[in-house]
Amino acid sequence: MKFAFLIMGDFNSTTDRAFIHNGQAQIIGVSNIQDATAVAKELYKDGIHCIELCGAFGEAGAKKIIDVTENKIPIGYITHLPEQYEVYKKFFNLNK
C-alpha cells in the first residue's frame, strides 16, 4: 500500500518530503490548501492508495482533497478530543 501524510505549515512541498519503507510511505510538508491540492493530485496520478492529513486541514480542507482525488481513495484527517482544545489553541498559536 502506498500511503502519504500531508502536514501543513511553513513548508516547501518540493523539498520537504521524507520517505520510509522503500518509498511506500511518505510525509510531505505543504504550505497551504492550494499547495496541498496540487500535491494530492500528483499523488493520486502516481497511484497513491491513501492520504492522511494533519489537523490543520479540518473538515473543509479534507473535502477539498477528496474532491481533487475524485473520492476514489481514502482521505482522513487528524482531530483531537474536545478536552485538548486549549492545548492545541496554545500550541498552534490560534489566538492570532
PDB file of N, CA and C in Angstrom:
ATOM      1  N   MET A   1       0.845  -1.176   0.000  1.00  0.00           N
ATOM      2  CA  MET A   1       0.000   0.000   0.000  1.00  0.00           C
ATOM      3  C   MET A   1       0.892   1.242   0.000  1.00  0.00           C
ATOM      4  N   LYS A   2       0.626   2.168  -0.883  1.00  0.00           N
ATOM      5  CA  LYS A   2       1.336   3.451  -0.932  1.00  0.00           C
ATOM      6  C   LYS A   2       0.519   4.476  -0.155  1.00  0.00           C
ATOM      7  N   PHE A   3       1.163   5.080   0.842  1.00  0.00           N
ATOM      8  CA  PHE A   3       0.492   5.936   1.796  1.00  0.00           C
ATOM      9  C   PHE A   3       1.227   7.269   1.911  1.00  0.00           C
ATOM     10  N   ALA A   4       0.487   8.379   2.064  1.00  0.00           N
ATOM     11  CA  ALA A   4       1.110   9.689   2.271  1.00  0.00           C
ATOM     12  C   ALA A   4       0.418  10.415   3.413  1.00  0.00           C
ATOM     13  N   PHE A   5       1.210  11.161   4.153  1.00  0.00           N
ATOM     14  CA  PHE A   5       0.712  12.035   5.205  1.00  0.00           C
ATOM     15  C   PHE A   5       1.108  13.454   4.830  1.00  0.00           C
ATOM     16  N   LEU A   6       0.128  14.359   4.726  1.00  0.00           N
ATOM     17  CA  LEU A   6       0.395  15.757   4.407  1.00  0.00           C
ATOM     18  C   LEU A   6       0.279  16.586   5.672  1.00  0.00           C
ATOM     19  N   ILE A   7       1.300  17.387   5.929  1.00  0.00           N
ATOM     20  CA  ILE A   7       1.299  18.279   7.078  1.00  0.00           C
ATOM     21  C   ILE A   7       1.409  19.712   6.562  1.00  0.00           C
ATOM     22  N   MET A   8       0.559  20.594   7.094  1.00  0.00           N
ATOM     23  CA  MET A   8       0.506  21.966   6.597  1.00  0.00           C
ATOM     24  C   MET A   8       1.226  22.913   7.556  1.00  0.00           C
ATOM     25  N   GLY A   9       2.044  23.784   6.991  1.00  0.00           N
ATOM     26  CA  GLY A   9       2.769  24.766   7.795  1.00  0.00           C
ATOM     27  C   GLY A   9       3.744  25.523   6.918  1.00  0.00           C
ATOM     28  N   ASP A  10       4.834  25.928   7.498  1.00  0.00           N
ATOM     29  CA  ASP A  10       5.850  26.680   6.773  1.00  0.00           C
ATOM     30  C   ASP A  10       6.769  25.702   6.039  1.00  0.00           C
ATOM     31  N   PHE A  11       6.258  25.127   4.949  1.00  0.00           N
ATOM     32  CA  PHE A  11       6.966  24.092   4.205  1.00  0.00           C
ATOM     33  C   PHE A  11       7.046  24.433   2.722  1.00  0.00           C
ATOM     34  N   ASN A  12       7.963  23.756   2.049  1.00  0.00           N
ATOM     35  CA  ASN A  12       8.081  23.797   0.595  1.00  0.00           C
ATOM     36  C   ASN A  12       7.817  22.366   0.128  1.00  0.00           C
ATOM     37  N   SER A  13       6.698  22.144  -0.507  1.00  0.00           N
ATOM     38  CA  SER A  13       6.299  20.776  -0.861  1.00  0.00           C
ATOM     39  C   SER A  13       7.236  20.100  -1.859  1.00  0.00           C
ATOM     40  N   THR A  14       8.069  20.869  -2.520  1.00  0.00           N
ATOM     41  CA  THR A  14       9.030  20.281  -3.453  1.00  0.00           C
ATOM     42  C   THR A  14      10.197  19.632  -2.711  1.00  0.00           C
ATOM     43  N   THR A  15      10.623  20.269  -1.624  1.00  0.00           N
ATOM     44  CA  THR A  15      11.808  19.778  -0.911  1.00  0.00           C
ATOM     45  C   THR A  15      11.502  19.154   0.443  1.00  0.00           C
ATOM     46  N   ASP A  16      10.389  19.514   1.059  1.00  0.00           N
ATOM     47  CA  ASP A  16      10.063  18.997   2.387  1.00  0.00           C
ATOM     48  C   ASP A  16       9.278  17.693   2.279  1.00  0.00           C
ATOM     49  N   ARG A  17      10.032  16.644   1.939  1.00  0.00           N
ATOM     50  CA  ARG A  17       9.458  15.309   1.756  1.00  0.00           C
ATOM     51  C   ARG A  17      10.378  14.272   2.386  1.00  0.00           C
ATOM     52  N   ALA A  18       9.782  13.279   3.006  1.00  0.00           N
ATOM     53  CA  ALA A  18      10.558  12.179   3.585  1.00  0.00           C
ATOM     54  C   ALA A  18       9.873  10.873   3.201  1.00  0.00           C
ATOM     55  N   PHE A  19      10.682   9.855   2.952  1.00  0.00           N
ATOM     56  CA  PHE A  19      10.171   8.554   2.523  1.00  0.00           C
ATOM     57  C   PHE A  19      10.685   7.473   3.452  1.00  0.00           C
ATOM     58  N   ILE A  20       9.834   6.512   3.757  1.00  0.00           N
ATOM     59  CA  ILE A  20      10.235   5.326   4.511  1.00  0.00           C
ATOM     60  C   ILE A  20       9.643   4.103   3.832  1.00  0.00           C
ATOM     61  N   HIS A  21      10.054   2.951   4.291  1.00  0.00           N
ATOM     62  CA  HIS A  21       9.539   1.676   3.781  1.00  0.00           C
ATOM     63  C   HIS A  21       9.674   1.607   2.254  1.00  0.00           C
ATOM     64  N   ASN A  22      10.920   1.864   1.800  1.00  0.00           N
ATOM     65  CA  ASN A  22      11.222   1.830   0.362  1.00  0.00           C
ATOM     66  C   ASN A  22      10.315   2.735  -0.461  1.00  0.00           C
ATOM     67  N   GLY A  23       9.954   3.887   0.107  1.00  0.00           N
ATOM     68  CA  GLY A  23       9.137   4.852  -0.624  1.00  0.00           C
ATOM     69  C   GLY A  23       7.652   4.582  -0.601  1.00  0.00           C
ATOM     70  N   GLN A  24       7.241   3.519   0.058  1.00  0.00           N
ATOM     71  CA  GLN A  24       5.809   3.199   0.109  1.00  0.00           C
ATOM     72  C   GLN A  24       5.034   4.127   1.043  1.00  0.00           C
ATOM     73  N   ALA A  25       5.729   4.721   1.998  1.00  0.00           N
ATOM     74  CA  ALA A  25       5.105   5.678   2.925  1.00  0.00           C
ATOM     75  C   ALA A  25       5.908   6.968   2.878  1.00  0.00           C
ATOM     76  N   GLN A  26       5.196   8.075   2.883  1.00  0.00           N
ATOM     77  CA  GLN A  26       5.887   9.360   2.802  1.00  0.00           C
ATOM     78  C   GLN A  26       5.155  10.430   3.582  1.00  0.00           C
ATOM     79  N   ILE A  27       5.912  11.431   3.997  1.00  0.00           N
ATOM     80  CA  ILE A  27       5.340  12.617   4.628  1.00  0.00           C
ATOM     81  C   ILE A  27       5.771  13.806   3.780  1.00  0.00           C
ATOM     82  N   ILE A  28       4.811  14.673   3.514  1.00  0.00           N
ATOM     83  CA  ILE A  28       5.073  15.835   2.662  1.00  0.00           C
ATOM     84  C   ILE A  28       4.560  17.077   3.381  1.00  0.00           C
ATOM     85  N   GLY A  29       5.415  18.073   3.494  1.00  0.00           N
ATOM     86  CA  GLY A  29       5.006  19.348   4.054  1.00  0.00           C
ATOM     87  C   GLY A  29       4.449  20.239   2.959  1.00  0.00           C
ATOM     88  N   VAL A  30       3.277  20.805   3.201  1.00  0.00           N
ATOM     89  CA  VAL A  30       2.639  21.710   2.240  1.00  0.00           C
ATOM     90  C   VAL A  30       2.427  23.060   2.914  1.00  0.00           C
ATOM     91  N   SER A  31       2.394  24.121   2.119  1.00  0.00           N
ATOM     92  CA  SER A  31       2.311  25.468   2.691  1.00  0.00           C
ATOM     93  C   SER A  31       0.886  25.958   2.917  1.00  0.00           C
ATOM     94  N   ASN A  32      -0.061  25.463   2.136  1.00  0.00           N
ATOM     95  CA  ASN A  32      -1.453  25.920   2.250  1.00  0.00           C
ATOM     96  C   ASN A  32      -2.352  24.921   1.513  1.00  0.00           C
ATOM     97  N   ILE A  33      -3.636  25.188   1.499  1.00  0.00           N
ATOM     98  CA  ILE A  33      -4.580  24.244   0.888  1.00  0.00           C
ATOM     99  C   ILE A  33      -4.385  24.159  -0.628  1.00  0.00           C
ATOM    100  N   GLN A  34      -4.014  25.255  -1.279  1.00  0.00           N
ATOM    101  CA  GLN A  34      -3.788  25.211  -2.723  1.00  0.00           C
ATOM    102  C   GLN A  34      -2.595  24.311  -3.054  1.00  0.00           C
ATOM    103  N   ASP A  35      -1.541  24.453  -2.285  1.00  0.00           N
ATOM    104  CA  ASP A  35      -0.365  23.593  -2.443  1.00  0.00           C
ATOM    105  C   ASP A  35      -0.758  22.136  -2.194  1.00  0.00           C
ATOM    106  N   ALA A  36      -1.546  21.918  -1.158  1.00  0.00           N
ATOM    107  CA  ALA A  36      -1.974  20.557  -0.803  1.00  0.00           C
ATOM    108  C   ALA A  36      -2.798  19.913  -1.906  1.00  0.00           C
ATOM    109  N   THR A  37      -3.679  20.690  -2.540  1.00  0.00           N
ATOM    110  CA  THR A  37      -4.492  20.097  -3.603  1.00  0.00           C
ATOM    111  C   THR A  37      -3.620  19.714  -4.796  1.00  0.00           C
ATOM    112  N   ALA A  38      -2.623  20.524  -5.098  1.00  0.00           N
ATOM    113  CA  ALA A  38      -1.703  20.186  -6.195  1.00  0.00           C
ATOM    114  C   ALA A  38      -0.917  18.920  -5.867  1.00  0.00           C
ATOM    115  N   VAL A  39      -0.431  18.811  -4.632  1.00  0.00           N
ATOM    116  CA  VAL A  39       0.312  17.622  -4.215  1.00  0.00           C
ATOM    117  C   VAL A  39      -0.596  16.396  -4.229  1.00  0.00           C
ATOM    118  N   ALA A  40      -1.813  16.540  -3.736  1.00  0.00           N
ATOM    119  CA  ALA A  40      -2.748  15.413  -3.713  1.00  0.00           C
ATOM    120  C   ALA A  40      -3.060  14.920  -5.125  1.00  0.00           C
ATOM    121  N   LYS A  41      -3.233  15.847  -6.067  1.00  0.00           N
ATOM    122  CA  LYS A  41      -3.460  15.458  -7.467  1.00  0.00           C
ATOM    123  C   LYS A  41      -2.269  14.665  -7.994  1.00  0.00           C
ATOM    124  N   GLU A  42      -1.069  15.145  -7.700  1.00  0.00           N
ATOM    125  CA  GLU A  42       0.159  14.470  -8.121  1.00  0.00           C
ATOM    126  C   GLU A  42       0.226  13.057  -7.518  1.00  0.00           C
ATOM    127  N   LEU A  43      -0.045  12.950  -6.231  1.00  0.00           N
ATOM    128  CA  LEU A  43      -0.005  11.648  -5.566  1.00  0.00           C
ATOM    129  C   LEU A  43      -1.037  10.692  -6.164  1.00  0.00           C
ATOM    130  N   TYR A  44      -2.234  11.203  -6.397  1.00  0.00           N
ATOM    131  CA  TYR A  44      -3.308  10.387  -6.968  1.00  0.00           C
ATOM    132  C   TYR A  44      -2.920   9.888  -8.362  1.00  0.00           C
ATOM    133  N   LYS A  45      -2.366  10.787  -9.192  1.00  0.00           N
ATOM    134  CA  LYS A  45      -1.910  10.382 -10.532  1.00  0.00           C
ATOM    135  C   LYS A  45      -0.822   9.324 -10.464  1.00  0.00           C
ATOM    136  N   ASP A  46       0.018   9.404  -9.410  1.00  0.00           N
ATOM    137  CA  ASP A  46       1.129   8.469  -9.250  1.00  0.00           C
ATOM    138  C   ASP A  46       0.724   7.161  -8.574  1.00  0.00           C
ATOM    139  N   GLY A  47      -0.562   6.995  -8.262  1.00  0.00           N
ATOM    140  CA  GLY A  47      -1.048   5.725  -7.735  1.00  0.00           C
ATOM    141  C   GLY A  47      -1.031   5.561  -6.230  1.00  0.00           C
ATOM    142  N   ILE A  48      -1.067   6.675  -5.493  1.00  0.00           N
ATOM    143  CA  ILE A  48      -1.131   6.570  -4.028  1.00  0.00           C
ATOM    144  C   ILE A  48      -2.444   5.883  -3.636  1.00  0.00           C
ATOM    145  N   HIS A  49      -2.412   5.113  -2.563  1.00  0.00           N
ATOM    146  CA  HIS A  49      -3.602   4.367  -2.133  1.00  0.00           C
ATOM    147  C   HIS A  49      -4.389   5.055  -1.030  1.00  0.00           C
ATOM    148  N   CYS A  50      -3.729   5.923  -0.254  1.00  0.00           N
ATOM    149  CA  CYS A  50      -4.386   6.543   0.901  1.00  0.00           C
ATOM    150  C   CYS A  50      -3.634   7.821   1.259  1.00  0.00           C
ATOM    151  N   ILE A  51      -4.369   8.853   1.656  1.00  0.00           N
ATOM    152  CA  ILE A  51      -3.757  10.099   2.119  1.00  0.00           C
ATOM    153  C   ILE A  51      -4.367  10.458   3.471  1.00  0.00           C
ATOM    154  N   GLU A  52      -3.499  10.742   4.429  1.00  0.00           N
ATOM    155  CA  GLU A  52      -3.921  11.267   5.729  1.00  0.00           C
ATOM    156  C   GLU A  52      -3.451  12.709   5.803  1.00  0.00           C
ATOM    157  N   LEU A  53      -4.212  13.533   6.514  1.00  0.00           N
ATOM    158  CA  LEU A  53      -3.939  14.959   6.609  1.00  0.00           C
ATOM    159  C   LEU A  53      -3.786  15.376   8.059  1.00  0.00           C
ATOM    160  N   CYS A  54      -2.923  16.355   8.295  1.00  0.00           N
ATOM    161  CA  CYS A  54      -2.798  16.880   9.652  1.00  0.00           C
ATOM    162  C   CYS A  54      -4.077  17.635  10.008  1.00  0.00           C
ATOM    163  N   GLY A  55      -4.239  17.916  11.276  1.00  0.00           N
ATOM    164  CA  GLY A  55      -5.447  18.570  11.756  1.00  0.00           C
ATOM    165  C   GLY A  55      -5.676  19.964  11.212  1.00  0.00           C
ATOM    166  N   ALA A  56      -4.627  20.622  10.716  1.00  0.00           N
ATOM    167  CA  ALA A  56      -4.780  21.973  10.168  1.00  0.00           C
ATOM    168  C   ALA A  56      -5.741  22.009   8.980  1.00  0.00           C
ATOM    169  N   PHE A  57      -5.928  20.890   8.313  1.00  0.00           N
ATOM    170  CA  PHE A  57      -6.830  20.839   7.157  1.00  0.00           C
ATOM    171  C   PHE A  57      -8.279  20.992   7.581  1.00  0.00           C
ATOM    172  N   GLY A  58      -8.641  20.412   8.710  1.00  0.00           N
ATOM    173  CA  GLY A  58     -10.031  20.421   9.135  1.00  0.00           C
ATOM    174  C   GLY A  58     -10.919  19.709   8.125  1.00  0.00           C
ATOM    175  N   GLU A  59     -12.179  19.711   8.409  1.00  0.00           N
ATOM    176  CA  GLU A  59     -13.140  19.025   7.541  1.00  0.00           C
ATOM    177  C   GLU A  59     -13.203  19.655   6.153  1.00  0.00           C
ATOM    178  N   ALA A  60     -13.195  20.973   6.084  1.00  0.00           N
ATOM    179  CA  ALA A  60     -13.293  21.658   4.785  1.00  0.00           C
ATOM    180  C   ALA A  60     -12.084  21.333   3.906  1.00  0.00           C
ATOM    181  N   GLY A  61     -10.891  21.349   4.484  1.00  0.00           N
ATOM    182  CA  GLY A  61      -9.691  21.013   3.721  1.00  0.00           C
ATOM    183  C   GLY A  61      -9.694  19.565   3.267  1.00  0.00           C
ATOM    184  N   ALA A  62     -10.139  18.675   4.150  1.00  0.00           N
ATOM    185  CA  ALA A  62     -10.228  17.257   3.781  1.00  0.00           C
ATOM    186  C   ALA A  62     -11.177  17.071   2.600  1.00  0.00           C
ATOM    187  N   LYS A  63     -12.286  17.791   2.610  1.00  0.00           N
ATOM    188  CA  LYS A  63     -13.245  17.685   1.496  1.00  0.00           C
ATOM    189  C   LYS A  63     -12.622  18.161   0.184  1.00  0.00           C
ATOM    190  N   LYS A  64     -11.762  19.181   0.242  1.00  0.00           N
ATOM    191  CA  LYS A  64     -11.098  19.644  -0.985  1.00  0.00           C
ATOM    192  C   LYS A  64     -10.155  18.575  -1.529  1.00  0.00           C
ATOM    193  N   ILE A  65      -9.470  17.874  -0.642  1.00  0.00           N
ATOM    194  CA  ILE A  65      -8.567  16.803  -1.072  1.00  0.00           C
ATOM    195  C   ILE A  65      -9.377  15.631  -1.622  1.00  0.00           C
ATOM    196  N   ILE A  66     -10.493  15.338  -0.999  1.00  0.00           N
ATOM    197  CA  ILE A  66     -11.386  14.287  -1.522  1.00  0.00           C
ATOM    198  C   ILE A  66     -11.838  14.647  -2.930  1.00  0.00           C
ATOM    199  N   ASP A  67     -12.196  15.899  -3.146  1.00  0.00           N
ATOM    200  CA  ASP A  67     -12.642  16.341  -4.472  1.00  0.00           C
ATOM    201  C   ASP A  67     -11.557  16.175  -5.523  1.00  0.00           C
ATOM    202  N   VAL A  68     -10.323  16.602  -5.212  1.00  0.00           N
ATOM    203  CA  VAL A  68      -9.263  16.534  -6.224  1.00  0.00           C
ATOM    204  C   VAL A  68      -8.786  15.110  -6.484  1.00  0.00           C
ATOM    205  N   THR A  69      -9.090  14.200  -5.573  1.00  0.00           N
ATOM    206  CA  THR A  69      -8.752  12.782  -5.797  1.00  0.00           C
ATOM    207  C   THR A  69      -9.994  12.005  -6.245  1.00  0.00           C
ATOM    208  N   GLU A  70     -11.014  12.741  -6.636  1.00  0.00           N
ATOM    209  CA  GLU A  70     -12.243  12.189  -7.209  1.00  0.00           C
ATOM    210  C   GLU A  70     -12.961  11.207  -6.292  1.00  0.00           C
ATOM    211  N   ASN A  71     -12.741  11.335  -4.979  1.00  0.00           N
ATOM    212  CA  ASN A  71     -13.372  10.450  -3.990  1.00  0.00           C
ATOM    213  C   ASN A  71     -13.101   8.972  -4.297  1.00  0.00           C
ATOM    214  N   LYS A  72     -11.898   8.694  -4.824  1.00  0.00           N
ATOM    215  CA  LYS A  72     -11.568   7.324  -5.219  1.00  0.00           C
ATOM    216  C   LYS A  72     -10.599   6.639  -4.268  1.00  0.00           C
ATOM    217  N   ILE A  73      -9.992   7.416  -3.342  1.00  0.00           N
ATOM    218  CA  ILE A  73      -9.078   6.825  -2.362  1.00  0.00           C
ATOM    219  C   ILE A  73      -9.457   7.354  -0.972  1.00  0.00           C
ATOM    220  N   PRO A  74      -9.112   6.620   0.078  1.00  0.00           N
ATOM    221  CA  PRO A  74      -9.426   7.095   1.429  1.00  0.00           C
ATOM    222  C   PRO A  74      -8.617   8.349   1.784  1.00  0.00           C
ATOM    223  N   ILE A  75      -9.324   9.329   2.335  1.00  0.00           N
ATOM    224  CA  ILE A  75      -8.702  10.560   2.825  1.00  0.00           C
ATOM    225  C   ILE A  75      -9.151  10.718   4.274  1.00  0.00           C
ATOM    226  N   GLY A  76      -8.189  10.819   5.173  1.00  0.00           N
ATOM    227  CA  GLY A  76      -8.516  11.032   6.579  1.00  0.00           C
ATOM    228  C   GLY A  76      -7.822  12.280   7.078  1.00  0.00           C
ATOM    229  N   TYR A  77      -8.312  12.817   8.181  1.00  0.00           N
ATOM    230  CA  TYR A  77      -7.621  13.947   8.793  1.00  0.00           C
ATOM    231  C   TYR A  77      -7.647  13.787  10.305  1.00  0.00           C
ATOM    232  N   ILE A  78      -6.602  14.281  10.925  1.00  0.00           N
ATOM    233  CA  ILE A  78      -6.430  14.131  12.359  1.00  0.00           C
ATOM    234  C   ILE A  78      -7.313  15.119  13.102  1.00  0.00           C
ATOM    235  N   THR A  79      -7.902  14.639  14.155  1.00  0.00           N
ATOM    236  CA  THR A  79      -8.667  15.507  15.048  1.00  0.00           C
ATOM    237  C   THR A  79      -8.151  15.300  16.468  1.00  0.00           C
ATOM    238  N   HIS A  80      -8.682  16.051  17.404  1.00  0.00           N
ATOM    239  CA  HIS A  80      -8.316  15.877  18.807  1.00  0.00           C
ATOM    240  C   HIS A  80      -9.582  15.899  19.652  1.00  0.00           C
ATOM    241  N   LEU A  81      -9.452  15.407  20.850  1.00  0.00           N
ATOM    242  CA  LEU A  81     -10.589  15.387  21.771  1.00  0.00           C
ATOM    243  C   LEU A  81     -10.890  16.803  22.260  1.00  0.00           C
ATOM    244  N   PRO A  82     -12.151  17.081  22.559  1.00  0.00           N
ATOM    245  CA  PRO A  82     -12.533  18.427  23.000  1.00  0.00           C
ATOM    246  C   PRO A  82     -11.729  18.928  24.202  1.00  0.00           C
ATOM    247  N   GLU A  83     -11.386  18.048  25.122  1.00  0.00           N
ATOM    248  CA  GLU A  83     -10.640  18.496  26.305  1.00  0.00           C
ATOM    249  C   GLU A  83      -9.221  18.957  25.973  1.00  0.00           C
ATOM    250  N   GLN A  84      -8.762  18.716  24.748  1.00  0.00           N
ATOM    251  CA  GLN A  84      -7.446  19.163  24.308  1.00  0.00           C
ATOM    252  C   GLN A  84      -7.499  20.493  23.557  1.00  0.00           C
ATOM    253  N   TYR A  85      -8.672  21.085  23.406  1.00  0.00           N
ATOM    254  CA  TYR A  85      -8.812  22.291  22.599  1.00  0.00           C
ATOM    255  C   TYR A  85      -7.864  23.407  23.039  1.00  0.00           C
ATOM    256  N   GLU A  86      -7.827  23.718  24.322  1.00  0.00           N
ATOM    257  CA  GLU A  86      -6.982  24.806  24.814  1.00  0.00           C
ATOM    258  C   GLU A  86      -5.502  24.514  24.573  1.00  0.00           C
ATOM    259  N   VAL A  87      -5.096  23.262  24.726  1.00  0.00           N
ATOM    260  CA  VAL A  87      -3.701  22.878  24.492  1.00  0.00           C
ATOM    261  C   VAL A  87      -3.343  23.097  23.023  1.00  0.00           C
ATOM    262  N   TYR A  88      -4.209  22.668  22.112  1.00  0.00           N
ATOM    263  CA  TYR A  88      -3.973  22.863  20.679  1.00  0.00           C
ATOM    264  C   TYR A  88      -3.970  24.349  20.328  1.00  0.00           C
ATOM    265  N   LYS A  89      -4.913  25.081  20.886  1.00  0.00           N
ATOM    266  CA  LYS A  89      -5.017  26.509  20.611  1.00  0.00           C
ATOM    267  C   LYS A  89      -3.719  27.221  20.991  1.00  0.00           C
ATOM    268  N   LYS A  90      -3.182  26.885  22.146  1.00  0.00           N
ATOM    269  CA  LYS A  90      -1.930  27.495  22.603  1.00  0.00           C
ATOM    270  C   LYS A  90      -0.756  27.045  21.728  1.00  0.00           C
ATOM    271  N   PHE A  91      -0.650  25.754  21.467  1.00  0.00           N
ATOM    272  CA  PHE A  91       0.478  25.215  20.702  1.00  0.00           C
ATOM    273  C   PHE A  91       0.531  25.780  19.290  1.00  0.00           C
ATOM    274  N   PHE A  92      -0.604  25.833  18.625  1.00  0.00           N
ATOM    275  CA  PHE A  92      -0.656  26.312  17.235  1.00  0.00           C
ATOM    276  C   PHE A  92      -0.897  27.805  17.130  1.00  0.00           C
ATOM    277  N   ASN A  93      -0.847  28.507  18.265  1.00  0.00           N
ATOM    278  CA  ASN A  93      -0.994  29.943  18.299  1.00  0.00           C
ATOM    279  C   ASN A  93      -2.256  30.399  17.565  1.00  0.00           C
ATOM    280  N   LEU A  94      -3.374  29.821  17.949  1.00  0.00           N
ATOM    281  CA  LEU A  94      -4.645  30.108  17.281  1.00  0.00           C
ATOM    282  C   LEU A  94      -5.328  31.373  17.816  1.00  0.00           C
ATOM    283  N   ASN A  95      -4.656  32.100  18.674  1.00  0.00           N
ATOM    284  CA  ASN A  95      -5.230  33.332  19.211  1.00  0.00           C
ATOM    285  C   ASN A  95      -4.951  34.541  18.335  1.00  0.00           C
ATOM    286  N   LYS A  96      -4.301  34.343  17.212  1.00  0.00           N
ATOM    287  CA  LYS A  96      -3.945  35.463  16.332  1.00  0.00           C
ATOM    288  C   LYS A  96      -5.165  36.189  15.847  1.00  0.00           C
TER     289      LYS A  96
END
